[in-house]
């Protein structure tokens, strides 16, 4: 190998590394956004499974003395 070939090979390796790093950064940003959306959707006030099965459960209190 001569110096020109080594120089081109190193340059291509640097370019591929830079592209890979940029792609990884974009992927991490995307996954972070999806994680935040998932966390927000889980924290919404959704009815529990029990309230879907028994819709009147817990709506009234019987108090007798």
PDB file of N, CA and C in Angstrom:
ATOM      1  N   UNK A   1       0.839  -1.183   0.000  1.00  0.00           N
ATOM      2  CA  UNK A   1       0.000   0.000   0.000  1.00  0.00           C
ATOM      3  C   UNK A   1       0.881   1.242   0.000  1.00  0.00           C
ATOM      4  N   UNK A   2       0.478   2.156  -0.793  1.00  0.00           N
ATOM      5  CA  UNK A   2       1.222   3.411  -0.769  1.00  0.00           C
ATOM      6  C   UNK A   2       0.486   4.421   0.119  1.00  0.00           C
ATOM      7  N   UNK A   3       1.074   5.565   0.284  1.00  0.00           N
ATOM      8  CA  UNK A   3       0.562   6.576   1.210  1.00  0.00           C
ATOM      9  C   UNK A   3      -0.788   7.123   0.750  1.00  0.00           C
ATOM     10  N   UNK A   4      -0.997   7.249  -0.560  1.00  0.00           N
ATOM     11  CA  UNK A   4      -2.273   7.769  -1.059  1.00  0.00           C
ATOM     12  C   UNK A   4      -3.421   6.823  -0.706  1.00  0.00           C
ATOM     13  N   UNK A   5      -3.197   5.531  -0.869  1.00  0.00           N
ATOM     14  CA  UNK A   5      -4.246   4.562  -0.539  1.00  0.00           C
ATOM     15  C   UNK A   5      -4.557   4.569   0.954  1.00  0.00           C
ATOM     16  N   UNK A   6      -3.522   4.656   1.777  1.00  0.00           N
ATOM     17  CA  UNK A   6      -3.718   4.705   3.231  1.00  0.00           C
ATOM     18  C   UNK A   6      -4.486   5.965   3.613  1.00  0.00           C
ATOM     19  N   UNK A   7      -4.142   7.079   2.981  1.00  0.00           N
ATOM     20  CA  UNK A   7      -4.813   8.335   3.271  1.00  0.00           C
ATOM     21  C   UNK A   7      -6.298   8.256   2.908  1.00  0.00           C
ATOM     22  N   UNK A   8      -6.595   7.698   1.742  1.00  0.00           N
ATOM     23  CA  UNK A   8      -7.995   7.563   1.321  1.00  0.00           C
ATOM     24  C   UNK A   8      -8.757   6.611   2.244  1.00  0.00           C
ATOM     25  N   UNK A   9      -8.115   5.532   2.625  1.00  0.00           N
ATOM     26  CA  UNK A   9      -8.754   4.562   3.508  1.00  0.00           C
ATOM     27  C   UNK A   9      -9.065   5.191   4.869  1.00  0.00           C
ATOM     28  N   UNK A  10      -8.121   5.932   5.415  1.00  0.00           N
ATOM     29  CA  UNK A  10      -8.341   6.601   6.698  1.00  0.00           C
ATOM     30  C   UNK A  10      -9.442   7.648   6.588  1.00  0.00           C
ATOM     31  N   UNK A  11      -9.462   8.368   5.488  1.00  0.00           N
ATOM     32  CA  UNK A  11     -10.484   9.391   5.271  1.00  0.00           C
ATOM     33  C   UNK A  11     -11.866   8.753   5.183  1.00  0.00           C
ATOM     34  N   UNK A  12     -11.968   7.637   4.463  1.00  0.00           N
ATOM     35  CA  UNK A  12     -13.255   6.939   4.359  1.00  0.00           C
ATOM     36  C   UNK A  12     -13.696   6.397   5.717  1.00  0.00           C
ATOM     37  N   UNK A  13     -12.747   5.887   6.491  1.00  0.00           N
ATOM     38  CA  UNK A  13     -13.078   5.386   7.819  1.00  0.00           C
ATOM     39  C   UNK A  13     -13.580   6.500   8.729  1.00  0.00           C
ATOM     40  N   UNK A  14     -12.960   7.667   8.639  1.00  0.00           N
ATOM     41  CA  UNK A  14     -13.410   8.803   9.446  1.00  0.00           C
ATOM     42  C   UNK A  14     -14.817   9.234   9.033  1.00  0.00           C
ATOM     43  N   UNK A  15     -15.062   9.247   7.705  1.00  0.00           N
ATOM     44  CA  UNK A  15     -16.385   9.626   7.210  1.00  0.00           C
ATOM     45  C   UNK A  15     -17.440   8.632   7.685  1.00  0.00           C
ATOM     46  N   UNK A  16     -17.165   7.353   7.585  1.00  0.00           N
ATOM     47  CA  UNK A  16     -18.115   6.332   8.013  1.00  0.00           C
ATOM     48  C   UNK A  16     -18.367   6.426   9.523  1.00  0.00           C
ATOM     49  N   UNK A  17     -17.337   6.723  10.277  1.00  0.00           N
ATOM     50  CA  UNK A  17     -17.494   6.880  11.718  1.00  0.00           C
ATOM     51  C   UNK A  17     -18.363   8.096  12.035  1.00  0.00           C
ATOM     52  N   UNK A  18     -18.139   9.187  11.336  1.00  0.00           N
ATOM     53  CA  UNK A  18     -18.935  10.404  11.552  1.00  0.00           C
ATOM     54  C   UNK A  18     -20.398  10.174  11.177  1.00  0.00           C
ATOM     55  N   UNK A  19     -20.634   9.492  10.078  1.00  0.00           N
ATOM     56  CA  UNK A  19     -22.008   9.198   9.660  1.00  0.00           C
ATOM     57  C   UNK A  19     -22.675   8.279  10.681  1.00  0.00           C
ATOM     58  N   UNK A  20     -21.962   7.259  11.133  1.00  0.00           N
ATOM     59  CA  UNK A  20     -22.517   6.348  12.129  1.00  0.00           C
ATOM     60  C   UNK A  20     -22.852   7.058  13.429  1.00  0.00           C
ATOM     61  N   UNK A  21     -21.998   7.965  13.853  1.00  0.00           N
ATOM     62  CA  UNK A  21     -22.244   8.731  15.076  1.00  0.00           C
ATOM     63  C   UNK A  21     -23.459   9.640  14.913  1.00  0.00           C
ATOM     64  N   UNK A  22     -23.590  10.271  13.753  1.00  0.00           N
ATOM     65  CA  UNK A  22     -24.746  11.139  13.500  1.00  0.00           C
ATOM     66  C   UNK A  22     -26.038  10.320  13.480  1.00  0.00           C
ATOM     67  N   UNK A  23     -25.999   9.162  12.853  1.00  0.00           N
ATOM     68  CA  UNK A  23     -27.183   8.302  12.811  1.00  0.00           C
ATOM     69  C   UNK A  23     -27.567   7.824  14.212  1.00  0.00           C
ATOM     70  N   UNK A  24     -26.586   7.490  15.010  1.00  0.00           N
ATOM     71  CA  UNK A  24     -26.838   7.060  16.380  1.00  0.00           C
ATOM     72  C   UNK A  24     -27.477   8.185  17.187  1.00  0.00           C
ATOM     73  N   UNK A  25     -26.991   9.398  17.007  1.00  0.00           N
ATOM     74  CA  UNK A  25     -27.570  10.546  17.706  1.00  0.00           C
ATOM     75  C   UNK A  25     -29.024  10.759  17.329  1.00  0.00           C
ATOM     76  N   UNK A  26     -29.331  10.654  16.038  1.00  0.00           N
ATOM     77  CA  UNK A  26     -30.720  10.812  15.583  1.00  0.00           C
ATOM     78  C   UNK A  26     -31.600   9.703  16.140  1.00  0.00           C
ATOM     79  N   UNK A  27     -31.081   8.483  16.158  1.00  0.00           N
ATOM     80  CA  UNK A  27     -31.838   7.355  16.690  1.00  0.00           C
ATOM     81  C   UNK A  27     -32.107   7.531  18.177  1.00  0.00           C
ATOM     82  N   UNK A  28     -31.117   7.985  18.913  1.00  0.00           N
ATOM     83  CA  UNK A  28     -31.306   8.213  20.347  1.00  0.00           C
ATOM     84  C   UNK A  28     -32.348   9.289  20.604  1.00  0.00           C
ATOM     85  N   UNK A  29     -32.338  10.354  19.802  1.00  0.00           N
ATOM     86  CA  UNK A  29     -33.342  11.409  19.943  1.00  0.00           C
ATOM     87  C   UNK A  29     -34.741  10.865  19.679  1.00  0.00           C
ATOM     88  N   UNK A  30     -34.862  10.034  18.648  1.00  0.00           N
ATOM     89  CA  UNK A  30     -36.153   9.450  18.305  1.00  0.00           C
ATOM     90  C   UNK A  30     -36.657   8.541  19.422  1.00  0.00           C
ATOM     91  N   UNK A  31     -35.787   7.695  19.942  1.00  0.00           N
ATOM     92  CA  UNK A  31     -36.181   6.776  21.007  1.00  0.00           C
ATOM     93  C   UNK A  31     -36.539   7.545  22.274  1.00  0.00           C
ATOM     94  N   UNK A  32     -35.823   8.605  22.559  1.00  0.00           N
ATOM     95  CA  UNK A  32     -36.136   9.423  23.730  1.00  0.00           C
ATOM     96  C   UNK A  32     -37.519  10.040  23.597  1.00  0.00           C
ATOM     97  N   UNK A  33     -37.840  10.537  22.406  1.00  0.00           N
ATOM     98  CA  UNK A  33     -39.168  11.114  22.166  1.00  0.00           C
ATOM     99  C   UNK A  33     -40.263  10.073  22.297  1.00  0.00           C
ATOM    100  N   UNK A  34     -40.005   8.871  21.794  1.00  0.00           N
ATOM    101  CA  UNK A  34     -40.993   7.800  21.919  1.00  0.00           C
ATOM    102  C   UNK A  34     -41.177   7.404  23.379  1.00  0.00           C
ATOM    103  N   UNK A  35     -40.098   7.384  24.130  1.00  0.00           N
ATOM    104  CA  UNK A  35     -40.189   7.057  25.554  1.00  0.00           C
ATOM    105  C   UNK A  35     -40.999   8.082  26.318  1.00  0.00           C
ATOM    106  N   UNK A  36     -40.800   9.342  25.997  1.00  0.00           N
ATOM    107  CA  UNK A  36     -41.572  10.396  26.655  1.00  0.00           C
ATOM    108  C   UNK A  36     -43.047  10.290  26.296  1.00  0.00           C
ATOM    109  N   UNK A  37     -43.343   9.992  25.023  1.00  0.00           N
ATOM    110  CA  UNK A  37     -44.737   9.842  24.608  1.00  0.00           C
ATOM    111  C   UNK A  37     -45.381   8.658  25.312  1.00  0.00           C
ATOM    112  N   UNK A  38     -44.642   7.582  25.463  1.00  0.00           N
ATOM    113  CA  UNK A  38     -45.162   6.409  26.166  1.00  0.00           C
ATOM    114  C   UNK A  38     -45.425   6.730  27.635  1.00  0.00           C
ATOM    115  N   UNK A  39     -44.505   7.439  28.262  1.00  0.00           N
ATOM    116  CA  UNK A  39     -44.682   7.801  29.673  1.00  0.00           C
ATOM    117  C   UNK A  39     -45.891   8.713  29.842  1.00  0.00           C
ATOM    118  N   UNK A  40     -46.080   9.648  28.928  1.00  0.00           N
ATOM    119  CA  UNK A  40     -47.235  10.541  29.005  1.00  0.00           C
ATOM    120  C   UNK A  40     -48.536   9.777  28.806  1.00  0.00           C
ATOM    121  N   UNK A  41     -48.540   8.837  27.880  1.00  0.00           N
ATOM    122  CA  UNK A  41     -49.771   8.083  27.634  1.00  0.00           C
ATOM    123  C   UNK A  41     -50.097   7.178  28.813  1.00  0.00           C
ATOM    124  N   UNK A  42     -49.099   6.697  29.521  1.00  0.00           N
ATOM    125  CA  UNK A  42     -49.349   5.839  30.676  1.00  0.00           C
ATOM    126  C   UNK A  42     -49.847   6.636  31.877  1.00  0.00           C
ATOM    127  N   UNK A  43     -49.478   7.898  31.962  1.00  0.00           N
ATOM    128  CA  UNK A  43     -49.863   8.707  33.114  1.00  0.00           C
ATOM    129  C   UNK A  43     -51.228   9.365  32.941  1.00  0.00           C
ATOM    130  N   UNK A  44     -51.863   9.181  31.784  1.00  0.00           N
ATOM    131  CA  UNK A  44     -53.183   9.768  31.567  1.00  0.00           C
ATOM    132  C   UNK A  44     -54.195   9.102  32.497  1.00  0.00           C
ATOM    133  N   UNK A  45     -55.228   9.809  32.812  1.00  0.00           N
ATOM    134  CA  UNK A  45     -56.266   9.266  33.683  1.00  0.00           C
ATOM    135  C   UNK A  45     -57.145   8.317  32.887  1.00  0.00           C
ATOM    136  N   UNK A  46     -56.793   7.057  32.884  1.00  0.00           N
ATOM    137  CA  UNK A  46     -57.586   6.049  32.195  1.00  0.00           C
ATOM    138  C   UNK A  46     -58.330   5.232  33.246  1.00  0.00           C
ATOM    139  N   UNK A  47     -59.517   4.803  32.916  1.00  0.00           N
ATOM    140  CA  UNK A  47     -60.257   4.013  33.898  1.00  0.00           C
ATOM    141  C   UNK A  47     -59.592   2.659  34.115  1.00  0.00           C
ATOM    142  N   UNK A  48     -59.710   2.172  35.334  1.00  0.00           N
ATOM    143  CA  UNK A  48     -59.113   0.879  35.639  1.00  0.00           C
ATOM    144  C   UNK A  48     -59.953  -0.228  35.014  1.00  0.00           C
ATOM    145  N   UNK A  49     -59.376  -1.397  34.910  1.00  0.00           N
ATOM    146  CA  UNK A  49     -60.076  -2.538  34.320  1.00  0.00           C
ATOM    147  C   UNK A  49     -61.303  -2.892  35.153  1.00  0.00           C
ATOM    148  N   UNK A  50     -61.185  -2.791  36.471  1.00  0.00           N
ATOM    149  CA  UNK A  50     -62.318  -3.116  37.340  1.00  0.00           C
ATOM    150  C   UNK A  50     -63.481  -2.163  37.095  1.00  0.00           C
ATOM    151  N   UNK A  51     -63.204  -0.902  36.891  1.00  0.00           N
ATOM    152  CA  UNK A  51     -64.291   0.048  36.661  1.00  0.00           C
ATOM    153  C   UNK A  51     -64.948  -0.168  35.295  1.00  0.00           C
ATOM    154  N   UNK A  52     -64.239  -0.780  34.365  1.00  0.00           N
ATOM    155  CA  UNK A  52     -64.853  -1.106  33.078  1.00  0.00           C
ATOM    156  C   UNK A  52     -65.785  -2.305  33.215  1.00  0.00           C
ATOM    157  N   UNK A  53     -65.419  -3.254  34.074  1.00  0.00           N
ATOM    158  CA  UNK A  53     -66.247  -4.438  34.272  1.00  0.00           C
ATOM    159  C   UNK A  53     -67.436  -4.128  35.162  1.00  0.00           C
ATOM    160  N   UNK A  54     -67.207  -3.384  36.253  1.00  0.00           N
ATOM    161  CA  UNK A  54     -68.259  -3.004  37.196  1.00  0.00           C
ATOM    162  C   UNK A  54     -68.342  -1.472  37.224  1.00  0.00           C
ATOM    163  N   UNK A  55     -69.100  -0.882  36.312  1.00  0.00           N
ATOM    164  CA  UNK A  55     -69.092   0.589  36.212  1.00  0.00           C
ATOM    165  C   UNK A  55     -69.682   1.311  37.415  1.00  0.00           C
ATOM    166  N   UNK A  56     -70.552   0.653  38.193  1.00  0.00           N
ATOM    167  CA  UNK A  56     -71.141   1.330  39.352  1.00  0.00           C
ATOM    168  C   UNK A  56     -70.374   1.063  40.631  1.00  0.00           C
ATOM    169  N   UNK A  57     -69.364   0.247  40.581  1.00  0.00           N
ATOM    170  CA  UNK A  57     -68.601  -0.099  41.774  1.00  0.00           C
ATOM    171  C   UNK A  57     -67.847   1.122  42.288  1.00  0.00           C
ATOM    172  N   UNK A  58     -68.034   1.422  43.567  1.00  0.00           N
ATOM    173  CA  UNK A  58     -67.315   2.520  44.186  1.00  0.00           C
ATOM    174  C   UNK A  58     -67.949   3.871  44.001  1.00  0.00           C
ATOM    175  N   UNK A  59     -69.141   3.919  43.413  1.00  0.00           N
ATOM    176  CA  UNK A  59     -69.775   5.218  43.193  1.00  0.00           C
ATOM    177  C   UNK A  59     -70.676   5.623  44.347  1.00  0.00           C
ATOM    178  N   UNK A  60     -71.099   4.631  45.168  1.00  0.00           N
ATOM    179  CA  UNK A  60     -71.989   4.944  46.280  1.00  0.00           C
ATOM    180  C   UNK A  60     -71.461   4.275  47.548  1.00  0.00           C
ATOM    181  N   UNK A  61     -71.721   4.917  48.675  1.00  0.00           N
ATOM    182  CA  UNK A  61     -71.311   4.377  49.967  1.00  0.00           C
ATOM    183  C   UNK A  61     -72.570   4.107  50.788  1.00  0.00           C
ATOM    184  N   UNK A  62     -72.710   2.906  51.275  1.00  0.00           N
ATOM    185  CA  UNK A  62     -73.821   2.550  52.165  1.00  0.00           C
ATOM    186  C   UNK A  62     -73.378   2.747  53.593  1.00  0.00           C
ATOM    187  N   UNK A  63     -74.035   3.667  54.273  1.00  0.00           N
ATOM    188  CA  UNK A  63     -73.684   3.928  55.665  1.00  0.00           C
ATOM    189  C   UNK A  63     -74.930   3.639  56.501  1.00  0.00           C
ATOM    190  N   UNK A  64     -74.801   2.669  57.428  1.00  0.00           N
ATOM    191  CA  UNK A  64     -75.897   2.327  58.321  1.00  0.00           C
ATOM    192  C   UNK A  64     -75.379   2.287  59.737  1.00  0.00           C
ATOM    193  N   UNK A  65     -76.141   2.849  60.620  1.00  0.00           N
ATOM    194  CA  UNK A  65     -75.730   2.870  62.020  1.00  0.00           C
ATOM    195  C   UNK A  65     -76.612   1.966  62.831  1.00  0.00           C
TER     196      UNK A  65
END
